[in-house]
Amino acid sequence: MSKYIKKETKGQIIFVIMIILAIVIGLVWNAVEESNQPPTWQTSYPMANANVSWEQSFHGGAWNE
């Protein structure tokens, strides 16, 4: 069979196989990285404006409307 395949065609076939292999490795790597991340509902972020007091907000409260 090898005498019917040209040398250039062998190189193209190897190149395409390497590209497909690289894509598969990238997809597997991405799946592994995503599985190592905690779910988004378990992620916590600091509260925005947590250090602002009522005096700084200029809110008079229920009696000062």
PDB file of N, CA and C in Angstrom:
ATOM      1  N   MET A   1       0.826  -1.189   0.000  1.00  0.00           N
ATOM      2  CA  MET A   1       0.000   0.000   0.000  1.00  0.00           C
ATOM      3  C   MET A   1       0.869   1.251   0.000  1.00  0.00           C
ATOM      4  N   SER A   2       2.013   1.177   0.645  1.00  0.00           N
ATOM      5  CA  SER A   2       2.839   2.371   0.764  1.00  0.00           C
ATOM      6  C   SER A   2       3.404   2.826  -0.581  1.00  0.00           C
ATOM      7  N   LYS A   3       3.508   1.916  -1.564  1.00  0.00           N
ATOM      8  CA  LYS A   3       4.036   2.341  -2.852  1.00  0.00           C
ATOM      9  C   LYS A   3       3.009   3.126  -3.662  1.00  0.00           C
ATOM     10  N   TYR A   4       1.718   3.088  -3.242  1.00  0.00           N
ATOM     11  CA  TYR A   4       0.680   3.832  -3.945  1.00  0.00           C
ATOM     12  C   TYR A   4       0.456   5.220  -3.356  1.00  0.00           C
ATOM     13  N   ILE A   5       0.981   5.487  -2.166  1.00  0.00           N
ATOM     14  CA  ILE A   5       0.827   6.787  -1.514  1.00  0.00           C
ATOM     15  C   ILE A   5       2.102   7.585  -1.724  1.00  0.00           C
ATOM     16  N   LYS A   6       1.951   8.791  -2.253  1.00  0.00           N
ATOM     17  CA  LYS A   6       3.110   9.649  -2.509  1.00  0.00           C
ATOM     18  C   LYS A   6       3.680  10.171  -1.193  1.00  0.00           C
ATOM     19  N   LYS A   7       4.912  10.594  -1.234  1.00  0.00           N
ATOM     20  CA  LYS A   7       5.589  11.108  -0.042  1.00  0.00           C
ATOM     21  C   LYS A   7       4.907  12.378   0.472  1.00  0.00           C
ATOM     22  N   GLU A   8       4.462  13.255  -0.451  1.00  0.00           N
ATOM     23  CA  GLU A   8       3.778  14.486  -0.040  1.00  0.00           C
ATOM     24  C   GLU A   8       2.445  14.163   0.624  1.00  0.00           C
ATOM     25  N   THR A   9       1.753  13.155   0.113  1.00  0.00           N
ATOM     26  CA  THR A   9       0.461  12.780   0.690  1.00  0.00           C
ATOM     27  C   THR A   9       0.650  12.212   2.091  1.00  0.00           C
ATOM     28  N   LYS A  10       1.708  11.451   2.307  1.00  0.00           N
ATOM     29  CA  LYS A  10       1.996  10.935   3.650  1.00  0.00           C
ATOM     30  C   LYS A  10       2.206  12.086   4.625  1.00  0.00           C
ATOM     31  N   GLY A  11       2.928  13.110   4.201  1.00  0.00           N
ATOM     32  CA  GLY A  11       3.163  14.261   5.060  1.00  0.00           C
ATOM     33  C   GLY A  11       1.875  14.995   5.393  1.00  0.00           C
ATOM     34  N   GLN A  12       0.984  15.119   4.387  1.00  0.00           N
ATOM     35  CA  GLN A  12      -0.294  15.787   4.632  1.00  0.00           C
ATOM     36  C   GLN A  12      -1.155  14.977   5.593  1.00  0.00           C
ATOM     37  N   ILE A  13      -1.147  13.671   5.432  1.00  0.00           N
ATOM     38  CA  ILE A  13      -1.940  12.819   6.323  1.00  0.00           C
ATOM     39  C   ILE A  13      -1.419  12.923   7.754  1.00  0.00           C
ATOM     40  N   ILE A  14      -0.118  12.885   7.919  1.00  0.00           N
ATOM     41  CA  ILE A  14       0.472  13.008   9.259  1.00  0.00           C
ATOM     42  C   ILE A  14       0.149  14.372   9.855  1.00  0.00           C
ATOM     43  N   PHE A  15       0.205  15.426   9.036  1.00  0.00           N
ATOM     44  CA  PHE A  15      -0.106  16.773   9.518  1.00  0.00           C
ATOM     45  C   PHE A  15      -1.545  16.869   9.995  1.00  0.00           C
ATOM     46  N   VAL A  16      -2.485  16.331   9.217  1.00  0.00           N
ATOM     47  CA  VAL A  16      -3.901  16.371   9.599  1.00  0.00           C
ATOM     48  C   VAL A  16      -4.132  15.560  10.873  1.00  0.00           C
ATOM     49  N   ILE A  17      -3.494  14.412  10.982  1.00  0.00           N
ATOM     50  CA  ILE A  17      -3.639  13.584  12.193  1.00  0.00           C
ATOM     51  C   ILE A  17      -3.100  14.325  13.413  1.00  0.00           C
ATOM     52  N   MET A  18      -1.980  15.024  13.247  1.00  0.00           N
ATOM     53  CA  MET A  18      -1.417  15.783  14.376  1.00  0.00           C
ATOM     54  C   MET A  18      -2.340  16.930  14.790  1.00  0.00           C
ATOM     55  N   ILE A  19      -2.950  17.608  13.827  1.00  0.00           N
ATOM     56  CA  ILE A  19      -3.881  18.694  14.162  1.00  0.00           C
ATOM     57  C   ILE A  19      -5.096  18.133  14.892  1.00  0.00           C
ATOM     58  N   ILE A  20      -5.642  17.039  14.403  1.00  0.00           N
ATOM     59  CA  ILE A  20      -6.796  16.423  15.074  1.00  0.00           C
ATOM     60  C   ILE A  20      -6.409  15.979  16.480  1.00  0.00           C
ATOM     61  N   LEU A  21      -5.228  15.412  16.636  1.00  0.00           N
ATOM     62  CA  LEU A  21      -4.750  14.995  17.954  1.00  0.00           C
ATOM     63  C   LEU A  21      -4.604  16.191  18.895  1.00  0.00           C
ATOM     64  N   ALA A  22      -4.091  17.307  18.381  1.00  0.00           N
ATOM     65  CA  ALA A  22      -3.948  18.513  19.199  1.00  0.00           C
ATOM     66  C   ALA A  22      -5.315  19.043  19.634  1.00  0.00           C
ATOM     67  N   ILE A  23      -6.301  18.999  18.747  1.00  0.00           N
ATOM     68  CA  ILE A  23      -7.648  19.452  19.096  1.00  0.00           C
ATOM     69  C   ILE A  23      -8.241  18.554  20.175  1.00  0.00           C
ATOM     70  N   VAL A  24      -8.084  17.253  20.036  1.00  0.00           N
ATOM     71  CA  VAL A  24      -8.617  16.314  21.035  1.00  0.00           C
ATOM     72  C   VAL A  24      -7.942  16.533  22.385  1.00  0.00           C
ATOM     73  N   ILE A  25      -6.630  16.717  22.386  1.00  0.00           N
ATOM     74  CA  ILE A  25      -5.917  16.970  23.641  1.00  0.00           C
ATOM     75  C   ILE A  25      -6.401  18.265  24.279  1.00  0.00           C
ATOM     76  N   GLY A  26      -6.629  19.301  23.470  1.00  0.00           N
ATOM     77  CA  GLY A  26      -7.142  20.567  23.994  1.00  0.00           C
ATOM     78  C   GLY A  26      -8.528  20.415  24.603  1.00  0.00           C
ATOM     79  N   LEU A  27      -9.392  19.665  23.954  1.00  0.00           N
ATOM     80  CA  LEU A  27     -10.739  19.458  24.487  1.00  0.00           C
ATOM     81  C   LEU A  27     -10.713  18.665  25.791  1.00  0.00           C
ATOM     82  N   VAL A  28      -9.864  17.654  25.852  1.00  0.00           N
ATOM     83  CA  VAL A  28      -9.745  16.865  27.094  1.00  0.00           C
ATOM     84  C   VAL A  28      -9.180  17.733  28.209  1.00  0.00           C
ATOM     85  N   TRP A  29      -8.169  18.533  27.889  1.00  0.00           N
ATOM     86  CA  TRP A  29      -7.574  19.431  28.884  1.00  0.00           C
ATOM     87  C   TRP A  29      -8.632  20.398  29.425  1.00  0.00           C
ATOM     88  N   ASN A  30      -9.444  20.959  28.527  1.00  0.00           N
ATOM     89  CA  ASN A  30     -10.487  21.892  28.937  1.00  0.00           C
ATOM     90  C   ASN A  30     -11.509  21.195  29.844  1.00  0.00           C
ATOM     91  N   ALA A  31     -11.893  19.978  29.517  1.00  0.00           N
ATOM     92  CA  ALA A  31     -12.853  19.239  30.340  1.00  0.00           C
ATOM     93  C   ALA A  31     -12.281  18.954  31.721  1.00  0.00           C
ATOM     94  N   VAL A  32     -10.998  18.613  31.790  1.00  0.00           N
ATOM     95  CA  VAL A  32     -10.366  18.342  33.090  1.00  0.00           C
ATOM     96  C   VAL A  32     -10.295  19.613  33.918  1.00  0.00           C
ATOM     97  N   GLU A  33      -9.932  20.733  33.305  1.00  0.00           N
ATOM     98  CA  GLU A  33      -9.851  22.003  34.036  1.00  0.00           C
ATOM     99  C   GLU A  33     -11.217  22.435  34.545  1.00  0.00           C
ATOM    100  N   GLU A  34     -12.266  22.254  33.745  1.00  0.00           N
ATOM    101  CA  GLU A  34     -13.606  22.629  34.187  1.00  0.00           C
ATOM    102  C   GLU A  34     -14.089  21.744  35.324  1.00  0.00           C
ATOM    103  N   SER A  35     -13.704  20.478  35.308  1.00  0.00           N
ATOM    104  CA  SER A  35     -14.149  19.584  36.381  1.00  0.00           C
ATOM    105  C   SER A  35     -13.438  19.891  37.696  1.00  0.00           C
ATOM    106  N   ASN A  36     -12.271  20.533  37.634  1.00  0.00           N
ATOM    107  CA  ASN A  36     -11.552  20.880  38.860  1.00  0.00           C
ATOM    108  C   ASN A  36     -12.056  22.167  39.492  1.00  0.00           C
ATOM    109  N   GLN A  37     -12.867  22.944  38.782  1.00  0.00           N
ATOM    110  CA  GLN A  37     -13.391  24.200  39.309  1.00  0.00           C
ATOM    111  C   GLN A  37     -14.610  23.935  40.190  1.00  0.00           C
ATOM    112  N   PRO A  38     -14.779  24.703  41.270  1.00  0.00           N
ATOM    113  CA  PRO A  38     -15.991  24.531  42.064  1.00  0.00           C
ATOM    114  C   PRO A  38     -17.198  25.046  41.283  1.00  0.00           C
ATOM    115  N   PRO A  39     -18.389  24.539  41.570  1.00  0.00           N
ATOM    116  CA  PRO A  39     -19.581  25.038  40.879  1.00  0.00           C
ATOM    117  C   PRO A  39     -19.759  26.532  41.132  1.00  0.00           C
ATOM    118  N   THR A  40     -20.395  27.209  40.198  1.00  0.00           N
ATOM    119  CA  THR A  40     -20.541  28.661  40.325  1.00  0.00           C
ATOM    120  C   THR A  40     -21.389  29.040  41.536  1.00  0.00           C
ATOM    121  N   TRP A  41     -22.312  28.180  41.940  1.00  0.00           N
ATOM    122  CA  TRP A  41     -23.135  28.523  43.096  1.00  0.00           C
ATOM    123  C   TRP A  41     -22.368  28.408  44.400  1.00  0.00           C
ATOM    124  N   GLN A  42     -21.182  27.808  44.407  1.00  0.00           N
ATOM    125  CA  GLN A  42     -20.370  27.729  45.617  1.00  0.00           C
ATOM    126  C   GLN A  42     -19.344  28.861  45.688  1.00  0.00           C
ATOM    127  N   THR A  43     -19.244  29.638  44.656  1.00  0.00           N
ATOM    128  CA  THR A  43     -18.270  30.727  44.627  1.00  0.00           C
ATOM    129  C   THR A  43     -18.842  31.918  45.381  1.00  0.00           C
ATOM    130  N   SER A  44     -18.054  32.512  46.264  1.00  0.00           N
ATOM    131  CA  SER A  44     -18.520  33.670  47.012  1.00  0.00           C
ATOM    132  C   SER A  44     -17.622  34.861  46.707  1.00  0.00           C
ATOM    133  N   TYR A  45     -18.218  36.021  46.690  1.00  0.00           N
ATOM    134  CA  TYR A  45     -17.506  37.260  46.421  1.00  0.00           C
ATOM    135  C   TYR A  45     -17.749  38.217  47.591  1.00  0.00           C
ATOM    136  N   PRO A  46     -16.823  39.112  47.862  1.00  0.00           N
ATOM    137  CA  PRO A  46     -17.056  40.074  48.936  1.00  0.00           C
ATOM    138  C   PRO A  46     -18.218  41.011  48.580  1.00  0.00           C
ATOM    139  N   MET A  47     -18.943  41.417  49.605  1.00  0.00           N
ATOM    140  CA  MET A  47     -20.100  42.277  49.383  1.00  0.00           C
ATOM    141  C   MET A  47     -19.646  43.662  48.920  1.00  0.00           C
ATOM    142  N   ALA A  48     -20.326  44.183  47.929  1.00  0.00           N
ATOM    143  CA  ALA A  48     -20.002  45.518  47.433  1.00  0.00           C
ATOM    144  C   ALA A  48     -20.435  46.559  48.470  1.00  0.00           C
ATOM    145  N   ASN A  49     -19.621  47.572  48.669  1.00  0.00           N
ATOM    146  CA  ASN A  49     -19.898  48.679  49.593  1.00  0.00           C
ATOM    147  C   ASN A  49     -20.157  48.180  51.012  1.00  0.00           C
ATOM    148  N   ALA A  50     -19.436  47.186  51.460  1.00  0.00           N
ATOM    149  CA  ALA A  50     -19.657  46.614  52.782  1.00  0.00           C
ATOM    150  C   ALA A  50     -19.232  47.567  53.890  1.00  0.00           C
ATOM    151  N   ASN A  51     -18.329  48.496  53.600  1.00  0.00           N
ATOM    152  CA  ASN A  51     -17.830  49.390  54.644  1.00  0.00           C
ATOM    153  C   ASN A  51     -18.529  50.751  54.654  1.00  0.00           C
ATOM    154  N   VAL A  52     -19.652  50.887  53.981  1.00  0.00           N
ATOM    155  CA  VAL A  52     -20.384  52.156  53.955  1.00  0.00           C
ATOM    156  C   VAL A  52     -21.349  52.178  55.133  1.00  0.00           C
ATOM    157  N   SER A  53     -21.296  53.239  55.932  1.00  0.00           N
ATOM    158  CA  SER A  53     -22.202  53.354  57.079  1.00  0.00           C
ATOM    159  C   SER A  53     -23.466  54.115  56.658  1.00  0.00           C
ATOM    160  N   TRP A  54     -24.442  54.141  57.560  1.00  0.00           N
ATOM    161  CA  TRP A  54     -25.682  54.862  57.256  1.00  0.00           C
ATOM    162  C   TRP A  54     -25.425  56.357  57.138  1.00  0.00           C
ATOM    163  N   GLU A  55     -24.460  56.886  57.912  1.00  0.00           N
ATOM    164  CA  GLU A  55     -24.165  58.317  57.822  1.00  0.00           C
ATOM    165  C   GLU A  55     -23.582  58.675  56.459  1.00  0.00           C
ATOM    166  N   GLN A  56     -22.792  57.788  55.892  1.00  0.00           N
ATOM    167  CA  GLN A  56     -22.207  58.050  54.589  1.00  0.00           C
ATOM    168  C   GLN A  56     -23.226  57.923  53.455  1.00  0.00           C
ATOM    169  N   SER A  57     -24.308  57.218  53.694  1.00  0.00           N
ATOM    170  CA  SER A  57     -25.291  57.019  52.629  1.00  0.00           C
ATOM    171  C   SER A  57     -26.298  58.162  52.571  1.00  0.00           C
ATOM    172  N   PHE A  58     -26.299  59.056  53.565  1.00  0.00           N
ATOM    173  CA  PHE A  58     -27.217  60.190  53.632  1.00  0.00           C
ATOM    174  C   PHE A  58     -28.670  59.730  53.656  1.00  0.00           C
ATOM    175  N   HIS A  59     -28.906  58.550  54.245  1.00  0.00           N
ATOM    176  CA  HIS A  59     -30.264  58.051  54.382  1.00  0.00           C
ATOM    177  C   HIS A  59     -30.763  58.414  55.768  1.00  0.00           C
ATOM    178  N   GLY A  60     -31.840  59.145  55.804  1.00  0.00           N
ATOM    179  CA  GLY A  60     -32.345  59.625  57.079  1.00  0.00           C
ATOM    180  C   GLY A  60     -33.119  58.590  57.875  1.00  0.00           C
ATOM    181  N   GLY A  61     -33.476  57.515  57.279  1.00  0.00           N
ATOM    182  CA  GLY A  61     -34.238  56.490  57.985  1.00  0.00           C
ATOM    183  C   GLY A  61     -35.726  56.673  57.783  1.00  0.00           C
ATOM    184  N   ALA A  62     -36.514  55.909  58.509  1.00  0.00           N
ATOM    185  CA  ALA A  62     -37.965  55.934  58.334  1.00  0.00           C
ATOM    186  C   ALA A  62     -38.593  57.209  58.859  1.00  0.00           C
ATOM    187  N   TRP A  63     -37.962  57.878  59.860  1.00  0.00           N
ATOM    188  CA  TRP A  63     -38.566  59.056  60.489  1.00  0.00           C
ATOM    189  C   TRP A  63     -38.135  60.361  59.814  1.00  0.00           C
ATOM    190  N   ASN A  64     -37.171  60.332  58.936  1.00  0.00           N
ATOM    191  CA  ASN A  64     -36.639  61.546  58.314  1.00  0.00           C
ATOM    192  C   ASN A  64     -36.902  61.575  56.800  1.00  0.00           C
ATOM    193  N   GLU A  65     -38.068  61.295  56.357  1.00  0.00           N
ATOM    194  CA  GLU A  65     -38.303  61.272  54.921  1.00  0.00           C
ATOM    195  C   GLU A  65     -38.680  62.618  54.389  1.00  0.00           C
TER     196      GLU A  65
END
